[in-house]
Protein backbone atom coordinates (compact mmCIF):
# COMPACT_ATOMS: atom_id res chain seq x y z
CA MET A 1 34.73 65.09 62.53
CA THR A 2 36.32 68.14 62.29
CA THR A 3 39.51 69.90 64.27
CA GLY A 4 37.39 73.40 64.59
CA GLU A 5 38.11 74.61 61.34
CA PRO A 6 35.56 73.54 58.24
CA GLY A 7 36.67 71.56 55.81
CA GLN A 8 40.02 69.85 58.03
CA PRO A 9 39.86 66.23 58.50
CA ARG A 10 40.83 65.63 62.05
CA THR A 11 44.26 63.83 62.24
CA ASP A 12 45.45 61.18 64.78
CA ARG A 13 48.95 61.06 63.45
CA SER A 14 50.04 63.27 66.33
CA PRO A 15 53.58 62.01 67.52
CA TRP A 16 52.55 62.51 71.19
CA ASN A 17 50.41 59.17 70.85
CA TRP A 18 53.38 57.34 70.97
CA LEU A 19 53.54 58.29 74.69
CA LEU A 20 50.11 55.88 75.01
CA VAL A 21 52.48 52.66 74.18
CA LEU A 22 54.44 53.45 77.97
CA PRO A 23 51.62 52.69 80.33
CA ILE A 24 50.67 49.27 77.57
CA VAL A 25 54.68 47.76 78.06
CA LEU A 26 55.93 49.28 81.34
CA PRO A 27 53.88 46.42 82.98
CA LEU A 28 55.06 43.91 80.84
CA LEU A 29 58.43 44.43 81.95
CA THR A 30 58.38 41.37 84.69
CA PHE A 31 61.93 41.74 85.78
CA LEU A 32 60.59 45.16 87.27
CA PHE A 33 58.47 43.64 89.69
CA ASN A 34 59.85 39.63 90.41
CA ALA A 35 61.39 40.77 93.77
CA ASP A 36 60.13 40.84 97.17
CA GLU A 37 62.03 43.86 98.23
CA PRO A 38 61.73 46.84 98.85
CA ARG A 39 58.47 47.13 100.72
CA LEU A 40 56.33 50.29 100.90
CA PHE A 41 54.59 50.72 104.22
CA GLY A 42 54.69 47.05 104.75
CA PHE A 43 53.35 45.96 100.99
CA PRO A 44 56.06 44.15 98.95
CA LEU A 45 57.04 45.81 95.45
CA PHE A 46 54.79 43.84 93.34
CA TYR A 47 51.23 45.52 94.90
CA TRP A 48 52.68 49.41 95.23
CA LEU A 49 54.07 48.97 91.26
CA GLN A 50 50.75 47.67 90.39
CA ILE A 51 49.55 50.98 91.60
CA ALA A 52 52.43 52.95 90.35
CA PHE A 53 51.68 51.55 86.66
CA ILE A 54 47.90 53.24 87.14
CA VAL A 55 49.33 56.53 87.92
CA VAL A 56 51.69 56.29 84.84
CA GLY A 57 48.81 55.25 82.74
CA VAL A 58 46.76 58.33 84.38
CA VAL A 59 49.61 60.78 83.83
CA SER A 60 50.56 59.91 80.46
CA THR A 61 46.63 59.54 79.12
CA THR A 62 46.27 63.01 80.57
CA ILE A 63 49.66 64.43 78.72
CA VAL A 64 48.55 63.04 75.33
CA TYR A 65 45.11 64.69 75.64
CA ARG A 66 45.97 68.02 76.74
CA MET A 67 48.72 68.27 74.03
CA THR A 68 46.65 66.77 71.20
CA LYS A 69 42.60 68.14 71.92
């Protein structure tokens, strides 16, 4: 696989790839969602924080994709 120039090997050693650690580590920090309050639209913290983790994952993946393509 090449980067677009013939003879140049593809490299995945971009510092932007470290941003992909964020959506993996963030949900593992249980102290973030070990509570019932605050509530957002009647949903406890745990449920809406899971949706926020999904958004963080999508945003960080999009940033890394765009910066490394």
